[in-house]
Amino acid sequence: MQLNERQTTTLRLEKNLKERVKYLAGDKRSSSHALMLEAINQYVEREEKQSDYRKNALSAWHEYQETGEHITAEETLNWLDTWGTSNEKSAPTCHK
């Protein structure tokens, strides 16, 4: 498939939802099609980010279980409190 190649997909919407989409599209001076594309794109982007976040969290958890290395919440908050100040500190180092 070439980059940006478009394919047609059919959606069956309940009458009420279809009317709501049509109303919002009119309010935004857009088409229902454009509104649905925007909504689907935003949803997919959000879900991809959440999926990546979950994967990274699980990876960090497994690494912690294997190594025991960590930074406490207190250490992190103390470090963050210095951000943007003249006494900004380097990130704390992991320890057991």
N, C-alpha and C. Protein backbone atom coordinates (compact mmCIF):
# COMPACT_ATOMS: atom_id res chain seq x y z
N MET A 1 0.85 -1.18 0.00
CA MET A 1 0.00 0.00 0.00
C MET A 1 0.89 1.24 0.00
N GLN A 2 0.55 2.18 -0.85
CA GLN A 2 1.29 3.42 -0.93
C GLN A 2 0.94 4.33 0.25
N LEU A 3 1.87 5.19 0.56
CA LEU A 3 1.65 6.17 1.63
C LEU A 3 0.45 7.04 1.29
N ASN A 4 -0.42 7.27 2.25
CA ASN A 4 -1.61 8.09 2.12
C ASN A 4 -2.66 7.53 1.16
N GLU A 5 -2.56 6.26 0.82
CA GLU A 5 -3.60 5.66 -0.01
C GLU A 5 -4.86 5.54 0.82
N ARG A 6 -5.98 5.92 0.24
CA ARG A 6 -7.24 5.92 0.96
C ARG A 6 -8.07 4.71 0.56
N GLN A 7 -8.77 4.18 1.53
CA GLN A 7 -9.69 3.08 1.29
C GLN A 7 -11.04 3.44 1.88
N THR A 8 -12.09 2.91 1.30
CA THR A 8 -13.44 3.19 1.76
C THR A 8 -13.84 2.17 2.81
N THR A 9 -14.45 2.65 3.88
CA THR A 9 -15.01 1.81 4.93
C THR A 9 -16.43 2.29 5.19
N THR A 10 -17.32 1.35 5.40
CA THR A 10 -18.70 1.70 5.67
C THR A 10 -18.96 1.60 7.16
N LEU A 11 -19.60 2.62 7.72
CA LEU A 11 -20.01 2.62 9.12
C LEU A 11 -21.53 2.63 9.18
N ARG A 12 -22.09 1.80 10.01
CA ARG A 12 -23.53 1.82 10.24
C ARG A 12 -23.75 2.49 11.59
N LEU A 13 -24.34 3.67 11.53
CA LEU A 13 -24.58 4.46 12.73
C LEU A 13 -26.05 4.40 13.10
N GLU A 14 -26.30 4.39 14.39
CA GLU A 14 -27.68 4.53 14.85
C GLU A 14 -28.18 5.89 14.41
N LYS A 15 -29.46 5.99 14.15
CA LYS A 15 -30.06 7.22 13.63
C LYS A 15 -29.74 8.42 14.51
N ASN A 16 -29.85 8.25 15.82
CA ASN A 16 -29.60 9.34 16.76
C ASN A 16 -28.16 9.83 16.64
N LEU A 17 -27.20 8.91 16.58
CA LEU A 17 -25.80 9.29 16.48
C LEU A 17 -25.53 9.99 15.15
N LYS A 18 -26.11 9.46 14.08
CA LYS A 18 -25.93 10.08 12.77
C LYS A 18 -26.44 11.52 12.77
N GLU A 19 -27.57 11.75 13.41
CA GLU A 19 -28.13 13.10 13.48
C GLU A 19 -27.23 14.01 14.32
N ARG A 20 -26.68 13.49 15.40
CA ARG A 20 -25.78 14.28 16.25
C ARG A 20 -24.52 14.68 15.48
N VAL A 21 -23.97 13.73 14.73
CA VAL A 21 -22.78 14.00 13.93
C VAL A 21 -23.09 15.07 12.89
N LYS A 22 -24.21 14.93 12.23
CA LYS A 22 -24.62 15.89 11.20
C LYS A 22 -24.78 17.29 11.80
N TYR A 23 -25.40 17.37 12.98
CA TYR A 23 -25.59 18.65 13.66
C TYR A 23 -24.23 19.29 14.00
N LEU A 24 -23.33 18.51 14.59
CA LEU A 24 -22.02 19.05 14.96
C LEU A 24 -21.23 19.48 13.73
N ALA A 25 -21.31 18.69 12.69
CA ALA A 25 -20.60 19.04 11.45
C ALA A 25 -21.11 20.37 10.92
N GLY A 26 -22.43 20.55 10.94
CA GLY A 26 -22.99 21.82 10.49
C GLY A 26 -22.56 22.97 11.36
N ASP A 27 -22.50 22.71 12.67
CA ASP A 27 -22.08 23.75 13.61
C ASP A 27 -20.63 24.16 13.37
N LYS A 28 -19.81 23.21 12.95
CA LYS A 28 -18.39 23.48 12.68
C LYS A 28 -18.14 23.89 11.23
N ARG A 29 -19.23 23.96 10.46
CA ARG A 29 -19.11 24.26 9.03
C ARG A 29 -18.19 23.25 8.36
N SER A 30 -18.45 22.01 8.62
CA SER A 30 -17.68 20.90 8.10
C SER A 30 -18.65 19.85 7.57
N SER A 31 -18.10 18.80 7.02
CA SER A 31 -18.95 17.70 6.59
C SER A 31 -18.97 16.63 7.67
N SER A 32 -20.01 15.81 7.65
CA SER A 32 -20.07 14.68 8.59
C SER A 32 -18.87 13.78 8.38
N HIS A 33 -18.50 13.58 7.13
CA HIS A 33 -17.35 12.74 6.79
C HIS A 33 -16.07 13.26 7.46
N ALA A 34 -15.82 14.56 7.30
CA ALA A 34 -14.61 15.16 7.89
C ALA A 34 -14.64 15.07 9.41
N LEU A 35 -15.81 15.28 10.00
CA LEU A 35 -15.93 15.21 11.46
C LEU A 35 -15.63 13.79 11.95
N MET A 36 -16.15 12.78 11.25
CA MET A 36 -15.90 11.39 11.66
C MET A 36 -14.44 11.02 11.48
N LEU A 37 -13.81 11.47 10.39
CA LEU A 37 -12.38 11.21 10.20
C LEU A 37 -11.55 11.81 11.33
N GLU A 38 -11.88 13.05 11.67
CA GLU A 38 -11.16 13.72 12.77
C GLU A 38 -11.34 12.96 14.08
N ALA A 39 -12.57 12.54 14.36
CA ALA A 39 -12.85 11.82 15.61
C ALA A 39 -12.12 10.48 15.65
N ILE A 40 -12.14 9.76 14.56
CA ILE A 40 -11.46 8.45 14.52
C ILE A 40 -9.96 8.64 14.66
N ASN A 41 -9.40 9.63 13.98
CA ASN A 41 -7.97 9.89 14.07
C ASN A 41 -7.56 10.24 15.50
N GLN A 42 -8.33 11.12 16.16
CA GLN A 42 -8.01 11.49 17.54
C GLN A 42 -8.11 10.28 18.47
N TYR A 43 -9.13 9.46 18.27
CA TYR A 43 -9.31 8.27 19.10
C TYR A 43 -8.13 7.31 18.94
N VAL A 44 -7.76 7.04 17.68
CA VAL A 44 -6.66 6.10 17.43
C VAL A 44 -5.36 6.64 18.02
N GLU A 45 -5.07 7.92 17.84
CA GLU A 45 -3.85 8.51 18.41
C GLU A 45 -3.84 8.38 19.93
N ARG A 46 -4.98 8.68 20.57
CA ARG A 46 -5.07 8.58 22.03
C ARG A 46 -4.86 7.13 22.49
N GLU A 47 -5.50 6.19 21.82
CA GLU A 47 -5.36 4.79 22.20
C GLU A 47 -3.95 4.27 21.97
N GLU A 48 -3.29 4.72 20.91
CA GLU A 48 -1.90 4.33 20.66
C GLU A 48 -0.99 4.83 21.79
N LYS A 49 -1.21 6.08 22.21
CA LYS A 49 -0.41 6.63 23.31
C LYS A 49 -0.64 5.86 24.60
N GLN A 50 -1.90 5.51 24.88
CA GLN A 50 -2.20 4.74 26.09
C GLN A 50 -1.58 3.35 26.02
N SER A 51 -1.61 2.75 24.85
CA SER A 51 -1.01 1.43 24.66
C SER A 51 0.50 1.50 24.90
N ASP A 52 1.16 2.51 24.33
CA ASP A 52 2.60 2.70 24.54
C ASP A 52 2.91 2.93 26.02
N TYR A 53 2.07 3.73 26.68
CA TYR A 53 2.27 4.00 28.11
C TYR A 53 2.19 2.71 28.92
N ARG A 54 1.17 1.89 28.63
CA ARG A 54 1.03 0.62 29.35
C ARG A 54 2.23 -0.30 29.11
N LYS A 55 2.68 -0.37 27.86
CA LYS A 55 3.83 -1.22 27.54
C LYS A 55 5.07 -0.74 28.27
N ASN A 56 5.29 0.58 28.28
CA ASN A 56 6.46 1.14 28.98
C ASN A 56 6.37 0.90 30.48
N ALA A 57 5.18 1.02 31.03
CA ALA A 57 5.01 0.79 32.47
C ALA A 57 5.29 -0.67 32.82
N LEU A 58 4.78 -1.59 32.01
CA LEU A 58 5.04 -3.01 32.26
C LEU A 58 6.52 -3.34 32.11
N SER A 59 7.16 -2.74 31.13
CA SER A 59 8.59 -2.95 30.94
C SER A 59 9.38 -2.44 32.15
N ALA A 60 9.02 -1.26 32.64
CA ALA A 60 9.69 -0.70 33.82
C ALA A 60 9.45 -1.57 35.04
N TRP A 61 8.23 -2.08 35.18
CA TRP A 61 7.91 -2.95 36.32
C TRP A 61 8.74 -4.23 36.26
N HIS A 62 8.85 -4.84 35.09
CA HIS A 62 9.65 -6.07 34.96
C HIS A 62 11.12 -5.78 35.24
N GLU A 63 11.62 -4.64 34.77
CA GLU A 63 13.00 -4.27 35.04
C GLU A 63 13.22 -4.09 36.54
N TYR A 64 12.28 -3.43 37.21
CA TYR A 64 12.38 -3.26 38.66
C TYR A 64 12.39 -4.61 39.37
N GLN A 65 11.51 -5.52 38.94
CA GLN A 65 11.47 -6.84 39.58
C GLN A 65 12.78 -7.60 39.40
N GLU A 66 13.43 -7.41 38.26
CA GLU A 66 14.70 -8.10 37.99
C GLU A 66 15.87 -7.46 38.73
N THR A 67 15.91 -6.13 38.79
CA THR A 67 17.09 -5.44 39.33
C THR A 67 16.87 -4.88 40.73
N GLY A 68 15.65 -4.54 41.07
CA GLY A 68 15.37 -3.91 42.35
C GLY A 68 15.74 -2.44 42.39
N GLU A 69 16.27 -1.92 41.28
CA GLU A 69 16.67 -0.51 41.25
C GLU A 69 15.45 0.38 41.08
N HIS A 70 15.47 1.50 41.80
CA HIS A 70 14.31 2.39 41.80
C HIS A 70 14.70 3.79 42.26
N ILE A 71 13.77 4.69 42.14
CA ILE A 71 13.84 6.04 42.72
C ILE A 71 12.54 6.21 43.49
N THR A 72 12.62 6.70 44.70
CA THR A 72 11.40 6.86 45.50
C THR A 72 10.61 8.08 45.02
N ALA A 73 9.35 8.09 45.37
CA ALA A 73 8.49 9.24 45.03
C ALA A 73 9.03 10.50 45.69
N GLU A 74 9.50 10.37 46.92
CA GLU A 74 10.03 11.54 47.63
C GLU A 74 11.26 12.10 46.91
N GLU A 75 12.15 11.21 46.46
CA GLU A 75 13.33 11.67 45.72
C GLU A 75 12.93 12.37 44.43
N THR A 76 11.95 11.82 43.76
CA THR A 76 11.48 12.41 42.51
C THR A 76 10.86 13.78 42.76
N LEU A 77 9.99 13.88 43.76
CA LEU A 77 9.34 15.16 44.07
C LEU A 77 10.35 16.21 44.50
N ASN A 78 11.34 15.82 45.30
CA ASN A 78 12.38 16.76 45.71
C ASN A 78 13.15 17.28 44.50
N TRP A 79 13.42 16.40 43.56
CA TRP A 79 14.11 16.80 42.33
C TRP A 79 13.23 17.73 41.50
N LEU A 80 11.96 17.36 41.32
CA LEU A 80 11.05 18.19 40.51
C LEU A 80 10.83 19.56 41.12
N ASP A 81 10.86 19.64 42.43
CA ASP A 81 10.69 20.94 43.10
C ASP A 81 11.79 21.93 42.74
N THR A 82 12.94 21.43 42.28
CA THR A 82 14.05 22.33 41.94
C THR A 82 13.99 22.80 40.48
N TRP A 83 13.11 22.21 39.69
CA TRP A 83 13.03 22.59 38.28
C TRP A 83 12.68 24.06 38.14
N GLY A 84 13.40 24.74 37.26
CA GLY A 84 13.11 26.14 36.99
C GLY A 84 13.63 27.09 38.05
N THR A 85 14.38 26.56 39.00
CA THR A 85 14.96 27.42 40.03
C THR A 85 16.45 27.56 39.77
N SER A 86 17.08 28.49 40.48
CA SER A 86 18.53 28.67 40.34
C SER A 86 19.29 27.50 40.97
N ASN A 87 18.60 26.67 41.73
CA ASN A 87 19.22 25.53 42.41
C ASN A 87 18.75 24.21 41.79
N GLU A 88 18.51 24.22 40.47
CA GLU A 88 18.00 23.02 39.79
C GLU A 88 19.00 21.88 39.91
N LYS A 89 18.50 20.74 40.36
CA LYS A 89 19.36 19.57 40.59
C LYS A 89 19.25 18.59 39.43
N SER A 90 20.26 17.73 39.31
CA SER A 90 20.24 16.65 38.32
C SER A 90 19.28 15.58 38.80
N ALA A 91 18.83 14.76 37.86
CA ALA A 91 17.91 13.68 38.21
C ALA A 91 18.57 12.74 39.19
N PRO A 92 17.80 12.23 40.15
CA PRO A 92 18.36 11.27 41.11
C PRO A 92 18.75 9.98 40.39
N THR A 93 19.69 9.27 40.95
CA THR A 93 20.13 8.01 40.35
C THR A 93 19.38 6.85 40.99
N CYS A 94 19.19 5.83 40.20
CA CYS A 94 18.50 4.63 40.70
C CYS A 94 19.37 3.93 41.73
N HIS A 95 18.72 3.29 42.68
CA HIS A 95 19.41 2.54 43.73
C HIS A 95 18.54 1.39 44.18
N LYS A 96 19.10 0.49 44.96
CA LYS A 96 18.33 -0.63 45.50
C LYS A 96 17.83 -0.32 46.86
